[in-house]
Amino acid sequence: MSPRLTTVILAAALAAAASHVAVHSDAGAQQTGAPGMTGAVYTADETGNSISAIDLASGRVTTVPLTISPHNAQITADGARLLAVGEPAAVMHGHSQPSAGHAAQEREGLLVVLDSRALGGKPLATIRVGGHPAHVVADRAGRRAFVTLSGDNRVAEVDLARRTVMRTVATDRYPHGLRLSPDDRELYVANVEGGSVSVIDTGTLKEAARIPVGKAPVQVGFTPDGSRVYVSLRDENSVAVINTARRSVTEKIRVGDGPIQVHATPDGRHIYVANQGSEAAPGDTVSIIEVATGQVTHTVRTGKGAHGVAVSDNGRFVFITNTADATVSAIDASARKVVATYRVGRGPNGVTFRAIGKLALRTRRKTAMRLRWRKQ
């Protein structure tokens, strides 16, 4: 099996300059939003070389082409910026090999920073980060981002204001998914080929521990209190549970075939696990784990190739990217069923949610600051 989690089909490089990006609104993807659904969901469309934005109130989907093949995307805590990581989109010659002229470029992956309110505009920043970037997370202050470099077996710390990599730290083999602890003090990093999770101190940027977990750990997910981390084990069809105080695995929970991303609900009661299956037999289920019992209590059927998981801030809805179907499924967490499906760009992998109130609060704060300055 290839170390890639999904088959990346590198499409033709985008001809448009970054300052003049076309925005495509797919009328066929437009739906009526489910009752009570607000905010926005963004997907990293890896094989489509694009980002898709879903306005949940209206159901409207807007897809914006990028000059990278984004594997993962993450909204900043204030909702203002969207971070996306991937390798540059390259012109392919023949069936599978890029031309020699693009080989060096492809080895150097990029972090692209976008204005979440104006995705079609020029990127706020494009930062070279290293070999084969997989996932990105930002701290709560929005000052630093952390990127897994699967090709370099390292994690990069990026200063978002200076737009540069400040430090890197070595991990085990093929680091992929990562998440920050609720207090931002530690990073937990899933090392797919190493069968381990690296614990990184974000202050010193040193590996504080390396925890053996099982076969092909892909992503990690914290409970809101930070006491547990759930790790998807793709090649075991299970999820490992880490006690963060002991830094050891306490149990494993059987889920569906090929689990990829995991995410806790805000109340800490449930863990959602997307079961992608394999390329030959794409999975189409999401396992719901009850934290109190450690049991899978429900299984929800979504689209084919269930991969990414994001949860709304109020915990009412869970969003799943379906890589093989190029769709996003919205699950009602109370009813435990899919209530809406949205067509997005090709090969959606990572997914992130933005609450509508975050930008409004940020705008009010900026306005208040300007008014105070004028009065002085």
Protein backbone atom coordinates (compact mmCIF):
# COMPACT_ATOMS: atom_id res chain seq x y z
CA MET A 1 0.00 0.00 0.00
CA SER A 2 1.28 3.45 -0.91
CA PRO A 3 2.09 5.70 2.05
CA ARG A 4 -0.29 8.23 0.59
CA LEU A 5 -3.66 7.98 2.29
CA THR A 6 -5.48 8.82 -0.89
CA THR A 7 -4.42 8.54 -4.51
CA VAL A 8 -3.33 11.99 -5.59
CA ILE A 9 -3.97 12.71 -9.24
CA LEU A 10 -1.87 15.74 -10.10
CA ALA A 11 -3.88 17.81 -12.56
CA ALA A 12 -2.60 20.41 -15.01
CA ALA A 13 -1.05 23.44 -13.35
CA LEU A 14 -3.34 26.41 -13.01
CA ALA A 15 -2.73 29.03 -15.67
CA ALA A 16 -4.28 31.89 -13.76
CA ALA A 17 -2.02 34.01 -11.62
CA ALA A 18 -2.66 33.94 -7.88
CA SER A 19 -3.91 37.52 -7.99
CA HIS A 20 -6.63 36.63 -10.48
CA VAL A 21 -8.22 33.40 -9.34
CA ALA A 22 -11.47 32.18 -10.82
CA VAL A 23 -14.26 31.37 -8.39
CA HIS A 24 -16.77 28.70 -9.34
CA SER A 25 -20.16 28.46 -7.69
CA ASP A 26 -21.64 25.05 -8.42
CA ALA A 27 -25.38 25.48 -8.82
CA GLY A 28 -25.78 21.70 -8.80
CA ALA A 29 -24.30 21.58 -5.32
CA GLN A 30 -26.57 24.26 -3.88
CA GLN A 31 -29.02 22.99 -1.29
CA THR A 32 -31.29 24.37 1.35
CA GLY A 33 -29.41 24.42 4.63
CA ALA A 34 -30.68 22.12 7.36
CA PRO A 35 -32.66 23.86 10.13
CA GLY A 36 -30.38 25.46 12.69
CA MET A 37 -27.30 25.05 10.53
CA THR A 38 -25.14 28.19 10.30
CA GLY A 39 -21.52 29.01 9.65
CA ALA A 40 -19.27 27.63 6.95
CA VAL A 41 -17.38 24.46 6.13
CA TYR A 42 -14.19 24.39 4.05
CA THR A 43 -12.74 21.35 2.31
CA ALA A 44 -9.27 20.66 0.92
CA ASP A 45 -9.98 19.17 -2.51
CA GLU A 46 -6.70 17.39 -3.16
CA THR A 47 -7.24 15.89 -6.60
CA GLY A 48 -9.17 18.97 -7.75
CA ASN A 49 -6.43 21.42 -6.67
CA SER A 50 -9.06 23.54 -4.95
CA ILE A 51 -10.77 24.69 -1.78
CA SER A 52 -14.55 24.45 -1.47
CA ALA A 53 -16.57 26.64 0.89
CA ILE A 54 -20.07 25.64 1.97
CA ASP A 55 -22.38 28.36 3.29
CA LEU A 56 -24.45 26.24 5.64
CA ALA A 57 -27.40 28.62 5.96
CA SER A 58 -28.04 28.75 2.21
CA GLY A 59 -26.41 25.49 1.12
CA ARG A 60 -24.39 27.33 -1.52
CA VAL A 61 -21.01 25.81 -2.44
CA THR A 62 -18.17 27.89 -3.87
CA THR A 63 -15.05 26.17 -5.20
CA VAL A 64 -11.82 28.11 -5.63
CA PRO A 65 -8.80 26.74 -7.55
CA LEU A 66 -5.37 26.82 -5.91
CA THR A 67 -1.82 26.38 -7.15
CA ILE A 68 -1.35 23.48 -4.72
CA SER A 69 -3.04 20.12 -4.25
CA PRO A 70 -4.30 20.74 -0.70
CA HIS A 71 -4.50 17.70 1.55
CA ASN A 72 -5.62 19.53 4.66
CA ALA A 73 -7.11 22.88 5.66
CA GLN A 74 -7.65 24.56 9.01
CA ILE A 75 -9.48 27.74 10.01
CA THR A 76 -7.79 30.00 12.58
CA ALA A 77 -9.50 30.45 15.95
CA ASP A 78 -10.81 33.92 15.04
CA GLY A 79 -12.28 32.61 11.79
CA ALA A 80 -10.40 35.13 9.65
CA ARG A 81 -7.81 32.98 7.90
CA LEU A 82 -7.89 29.60 6.22
CA LEU A 83 -4.64 27.63 6.18
CA ALA A 84 -4.10 24.98 3.51
CA VAL A 85 -1.10 22.71 2.93
CA GLY A 86 -0.03 20.58 0.00
CA GLU A 87 2.40 20.07 -2.81
CA PRO A 88 2.43 22.39 -5.83
CA ALA A 89 0.11 21.31 -8.62
CA ALA A 90 2.29 19.95 -11.44
CA VAL A 91 1.94 19.22 -15.13
CA MET A 92 2.02 15.45 -15.63
CA HIS A 93 3.76 13.80 -18.59
CA GLY A 94 2.56 10.28 -19.29
CA HIS A 95 0.44 8.44 -16.75
CA SER A 96 2.22 8.80 -13.44
CA GLN A 97 5.52 10.66 -13.53
CA PRO A 98 5.99 14.44 -13.42
CA SER A 99 8.41 16.07 -15.80
CA ALA A 100 11.98 16.59 -14.54
CA GLY A 101 11.46 20.34 -14.52
CA HIS A 102 8.82 20.03 -11.81
CA ALA A 103 10.56 17.45 -9.62
CA ALA A 104 12.41 19.93 -7.42
CA GLN A 105 9.32 22.10 -7.01
CA GLU A 106 7.17 19.17 -5.90
CA ARG A 107 9.59 18.25 -3.14
CA GLU A 108 9.05 21.64 -1.53
CA GLY A 109 5.53 21.78 -0.13
CA LEU A 110 3.61 24.96 0.62
CA LEU A 111 1.41 26.50 3.27
CA VAL A 112 -1.12 28.85 1.67
CA VAL A 113 -2.89 31.41 3.87
CA LEU A 114 -6.25 32.66 2.57
CA ASP A 115 -8.75 35.27 3.70
CA SER A 116 -11.74 33.14 4.70
CA ARG A 117 -14.13 35.91 3.55
CA ALA A 118 -12.51 36.36 0.13
CA LEU A 119 -11.21 32.97 -0.99
CA GLY A 120 -11.03 34.07 -4.62
CA GLY A 121 -8.62 36.90 -3.87
CA LYS A 122 -4.85 36.81 -3.77
CA PRO A 123 -3.51 34.58 -0.96
CA LEU A 124 -2.41 36.48 2.12
CA ALA A 125 0.78 34.41 2.13
CA THR A 126 2.42 31.44 0.43
CA ILE A 127 5.11 29.87 2.60
CA ARG A 128 7.57 27.11 1.69
CA VAL A 129 7.54 24.58 4.53
CA GLY A 130 9.30 21.38 3.43
CA GLY A 131 8.77 17.93 2.01
CA HIS A 132 5.26 16.60 1.48
CA PRO A 133 3.20 18.64 3.98
CA ALA A 134 0.18 16.70 5.21
CA HIS A 135 -1.69 18.51 8.00
CA VAL A 136 -1.69 21.96 9.58
CA VAL A 137 -2.98 23.37 12.87
CA ALA A 138 -2.79 26.90 14.29
CA ASP A 139 -2.53 27.97 17.91
CA ARG A 140 -5.42 29.83 19.53
CA ALA A 141 -3.68 33.20 19.18
CA GLY A 142 -3.28 32.70 15.44
CA ARG A 143 0.43 33.51 15.62
CA ARG A 144 1.91 30.08 14.93
CA ALA A 145 1.04 27.17 12.70
CA PHE A 146 2.43 23.65 12.89
CA VAL A 147 2.77 21.51 9.76
CA THR A 148 3.62 17.83 9.47
CA LEU A 149 6.25 17.17 6.80
CA SER A 150 5.72 13.53 5.83
CA GLY A 151 8.58 13.60 3.35
CA ASP A 152 11.08 14.94 5.89
CA ASN A 153 9.91 13.10 9.05
CA ARG A 154 9.61 16.44 10.80
CA VAL A 155 7.11 19.01 12.07
CA ALA A 156 7.61 22.67 11.09
CA GLU A 157 6.71 25.64 13.28
CA VAL A 158 5.60 28.59 11.14
CA ASP A 159 5.48 32.22 12.25
CA LEU A 160 2.35 33.45 10.46
CA ALA A 161 3.22 37.14 10.86
CA ARG A 162 6.76 36.74 9.51
CA ARG A 163 5.58 34.18 6.98
CA THR A 164 8.49 31.84 7.55
CA VAL A 165 9.44 28.54 9.15
CA MET A 166 11.07 29.29 12.50
CA ARG A 167 12.00 25.82 13.74
CA THR A 168 11.53 22.14 12.89
CA VAL A 169 11.60 19.02 15.04
CA ALA A 170 12.23 15.38 14.12
CA THR A 171 9.48 12.79 14.61
CA ASP A 172 9.08 9.11 13.83
CA ARG A 173 8.56 7.98 10.22
CA TYR A 174 5.90 9.63 8.03
CA PRO A 175 4.19 12.09 10.40
CA HIS A 176 0.70 12.83 9.15
CA GLY A 177 -2.18 14.06 11.33
CA LEU A 178 -1.57 16.33 14.31
CA ARG A 179 -3.56 18.26 16.88
CA LEU A 180 -2.76 20.75 19.62
CA SER A 181 -3.72 20.03 23.21
CA PRO A 182 -6.53 22.27 24.54
CA ASP A 183 -3.96 24.44 26.36
CA ASP A 184 -1.69 24.68 23.28
CA ARG A 185 1.27 23.32 25.26
CA GLU A 186 1.68 20.03 23.40
CA LEU A 187 1.31 18.64 19.91
CA TYR A 188 0.32 15.03 19.36
CA VAL A 189 1.51 13.76 15.98
CA ALA A 190 0.46 10.49 14.30
CA ASN A 191 3.43 8.77 12.60
CA VAL A 192 1.91 6.46 9.97
CA GLU A 193 4.95 4.33 9.15
CA GLY A 194 6.46 4.50 12.63
CA GLY A 195 3.39 3.10 14.38
CA SER A 196 3.69 5.78 17.04
CA VAL A 197 2.50 9.16 18.28
CA SER A 198 5.05 11.89 18.96
CA VAL A 199 4.37 14.28 21.84
CA ILE A 200 6.01 17.64 21.14
CA ASP A 201 6.48 20.46 23.64
CA THR A 202 5.39 23.59 21.74
CA GLY A 203 7.55 25.84 23.90
CA THR A 204 10.87 24.09 23.30
CA LEU A 205 9.75 22.35 20.10
CA LYS A 206 11.34 19.13 21.28
CA GLU A 207 9.89 15.65 21.27
CA ALA A 208 8.91 14.97 24.89
CA ALA A 209 7.68 11.41 24.32
CA ARG A 210 7.06 8.82 21.63
CA ILE A 211 4.13 6.49 22.29
CA PRO A 212 3.77 3.14 20.44
CA VAL A 213 0.13 2.84 19.35
CA GLY A 214 -0.29 0.26 16.57
CA LYS A 215 -0.40 -0.13 12.81
CA ALA A 216 -0.63 2.97 10.61
CA PRO A 217 -1.79 5.74 12.96
CA VAL A 218 -3.24 8.46 10.76
CA GLN A 219 -4.78 11.17 12.95
CA VAL A 220 -5.30 12.08 16.59
CA GLY A 221 -8.13 13.78 18.45
CA PHE A 222 -8.19 15.26 21.96
CA THR A 223 -11.11 15.20 24.33
CA PRO A 224 -11.95 18.79 25.36
CA ASP A 225 -10.43 18.32 28.82
CA GLY A 226 -7.18 17.06 27.30
CA SER A 227 -7.17 13.86 29.35
CA ARG A 228 -7.42 11.48 26.39
CA VAL A 229 -6.27 11.30 22.81
CA TYR A 230 -7.96 9.03 20.27
CA VAL A 231 -5.75 7.71 17.46
CA SER A 232 -7.07 6.16 14.25
CA LEU A 233 -5.20 2.96 13.31
CA ARG A 234 -5.87 2.53 9.61
CA ASP A 235 -4.39 -0.95 9.24
CA GLU A 236 -5.98 -2.35 12.42
CA ASN A 237 -9.51 -1.02 11.82
CA SER A 238 -9.44 0.34 15.34
CA VAL A 239 -8.87 3.44 17.46
CA ALA A 240 -6.26 3.57 20.22
CA VAL A 241 -6.98 5.57 23.37
CA ILE A 242 -4.05 7.39 25.01
CA ASN A 243 -4.11 8.52 28.63
CA THR A 244 -2.23 11.82 28.30
CA ALA A 245 -1.11 11.88 31.94
CA ARG A 246 0.48 8.43 31.62
CA ARG A 247 1.39 8.85 27.95
CA SER A 248 0.36 5.28 27.22
CA VAL A 249 -2.39 3.39 25.38
CA THR A 250 -5.13 2.20 27.71
CA GLU A 251 -7.43 0.45 25.23
CA LYS A 252 -8.28 -0.11 21.57
CA ILE A 253 -11.76 0.16 20.10
CA ARG A 254 -12.85 -1.64 16.93
CA VAL A 255 -14.41 0.59 14.28
CA GLY A 256 -15.00 0.32 10.52
CA ASP A 257 -12.51 -0.42 7.75
CA GLY A 258 -9.61 1.98 7.28
CA PRO A 259 -10.33 4.67 9.90
CA ILE A 260 -8.75 8.01 9.02
CA GLN A 261 -9.81 11.15 10.88
CA VAL A 262 -11.22 11.36 14.42
CA HIS A 263 -12.88 14.24 16.25
CA ALA A 264 -14.46 14.69 19.68
CA THR A 265 -17.71 16.55 20.25
CA PRO A 266 -17.48 19.79 22.30
CA ASP A 267 -19.17 18.15 25.30
CA GLY A 268 -16.56 15.38 25.29
CA ARG A 269 -19.17 12.62 25.21
CA HIS A 270 -18.57 11.19 21.74
CA ILE A 271 -15.81 10.58 19.20
CA TYR A 272 -16.61 10.52 15.49
CA VAL A 273 -14.41 8.30 13.30
CA ALA A 274 -14.47 8.38 9.48
CA ASN A 275 -13.89 4.93 7.96
CA GLN A 276 -12.41 5.45 4.50
CA GLY A 277 -11.85 1.81 3.60
CA SER A 278 -9.44 1.21 0.73
CA GLU A 279 -9.04 2.43 -2.83
CA ALA A 280 -10.47 -0.85 -4.11
CA ALA A 281 -13.33 -0.87 -1.61
CA PRO A 282 -14.08 2.67 -0.38
CA GLY A 283 -15.72 2.80 3.02
CA ASP A 284 -18.87 4.81 3.61
CA THR A 285 -19.40 4.78 7.34
CA VAL A 286 -18.73 6.87 10.44
CA SER A 287 -18.37 5.17 13.81
CA ILE A 288 -19.63 7.01 16.90
CA ILE A 289 -17.74 6.08 20.07
CA GLU A 290 -19.25 6.78 23.47
CA VAL A 291 -16.37 8.07 25.61
CA ALA A 292 -17.86 6.89 28.93
CA THR A 293 -18.10 3.25 27.85
CA GLY A 294 -15.47 3.02 25.13
CA GLN A 295 -18.03 1.38 22.85
CA VAL A 296 -19.22 2.13 19.32
CA THR A 297 -22.87 2.95 19.91
CA HIS A 298 -23.90 3.99 16.39
CA THR A 299 -22.69 3.71 12.81
CA VAL A 300 -23.82 6.28 10.26
CA ARG A 301 -23.66 5.67 6.51
CA THR A 302 -22.25 8.59 4.50
CA GLY A 303 -20.67 8.77 1.04
CA LYS A 304 -17.84 6.68 -0.36
CA GLY A 305 -14.34 7.21 0.97
CA ALA A 306 -15.31 8.84 4.30
CA HIS A 307 -12.15 10.70 5.30
CA GLY A 308 -12.25 14.07 7.10
CA VAL A 309 -14.22 14.99 10.22
CA ALA A 310 -15.19 18.42 11.56
CA VAL A 311 -17.70 19.29 14.28
CA SER A 312 -19.69 22.51 14.62
CA ASP A 313 -18.84 24.62 17.66
CA ASN A 314 -22.21 23.90 19.26
CA GLY A 315 -21.84 20.16 18.62
CA ARG A 316 -25.12 19.89 16.72
CA PHE A 317 -23.63 18.87 13.39
CA VAL A 318 -20.71 16.76 12.19
CA PHE A 319 -19.25 17.13 8.70
CA ILE A 320 -17.59 14.31 6.76
CA THR A 321 -15.65 14.53 3.50
CA ASN A 322 -16.28 11.66 1.08
CA THR A 323 -13.18 11.46 -1.11
CA ALA A 324 -14.52 9.02 -3.69
CA ASP A 325 -17.83 10.85 -4.16
CA ALA A 326 -16.53 14.45 -4.01
CA THR A 327 -19.16 15.29 -1.42
CA VAL A 328 -19.58 16.39 2.18
CA SER A 329 -22.14 14.73 4.44
CA ALA A 330 -23.70 16.73 7.28
CA ILE A 331 -24.73 14.53 10.21
CA ASP A 332 -27.28 15.65 12.78
CA ALA A 333 -25.56 14.63 16.02
CA SER A 334 -28.83 14.17 17.92
CA ALA A 335 -30.62 12.16 15.24
CA ARG A 336 -27.38 10.42 14.19
CA LYS A 337 -28.25 10.56 10.52
CA VAL A 338 -27.17 12.47 7.42
CA VAL A 339 -29.40 15.50 6.90
CA ALA A 340 -27.62 17.16 3.96
CA THR A 341 -25.07 16.29 1.28
CA TYR A 342 -23.02 18.88 -0.63
CA ARG A 343 -21.04 18.40 -3.82
CA VAL A 344 -17.56 19.94 -3.58
CA GLY A 345 -14.29 19.75 -5.52
CA ARG A 346 -12.62 16.48 -6.51
CA GLY A 347 -10.97 14.40 -3.82
CA PRO A 348 -11.99 16.29 -0.66
CA ASN A 349 -9.76 15.27 2.25
CA GLY A 350 -9.34 17.70 5.15
CA VAL A 351 -12.33 19.67 6.42
CA THR A 352 -12.75 22.53 8.89
CA PHE A 353 -15.69 24.44 10.36
CA ARG A 354 -16.10 28.20 10.97
CA ALA A 355 -18.81 29.55 13.24
CA ILE A 356 -20.55 32.58 11.75
CA GLY A 357 -20.19 34.63 14.95
CA LYS A 358 -16.40 34.52 15.05
CA LEU A 359 -15.85 37.01 12.25
CA ALA A 360 -18.63 39.28 13.52
CA LEU A 361 -17.00 39.43 16.95
CA ARG A 362 -13.61 40.12 15.38
CA THR A 363 -15.10 42.93 13.26
CA ARG A 364 -16.82 44.52 16.28
CA ARG A 365 -13.56 44.46 18.22
CA LYS A 366 -11.67 46.12 15.37
CA THR A 367 -14.38 48.79 15.03
CA ALA A 368 -14.28 49.49 18.78
CA MET A 369 -10.50 49.84 18.64
CA ARG A 370 -10.73 52.32 15.76
CA LEU A 371 -13.36 54.38 17.61
CA ARG A 372 -11.21 54.51 20.75
CA TRP A 373 -8.22 55.63 18.66
CA ARG A 374 -10.25 58.43 17.03
CA LYS A 375 -11.39 59.74 20.43
CA GLN A 376 -7.81 60.05 21.68
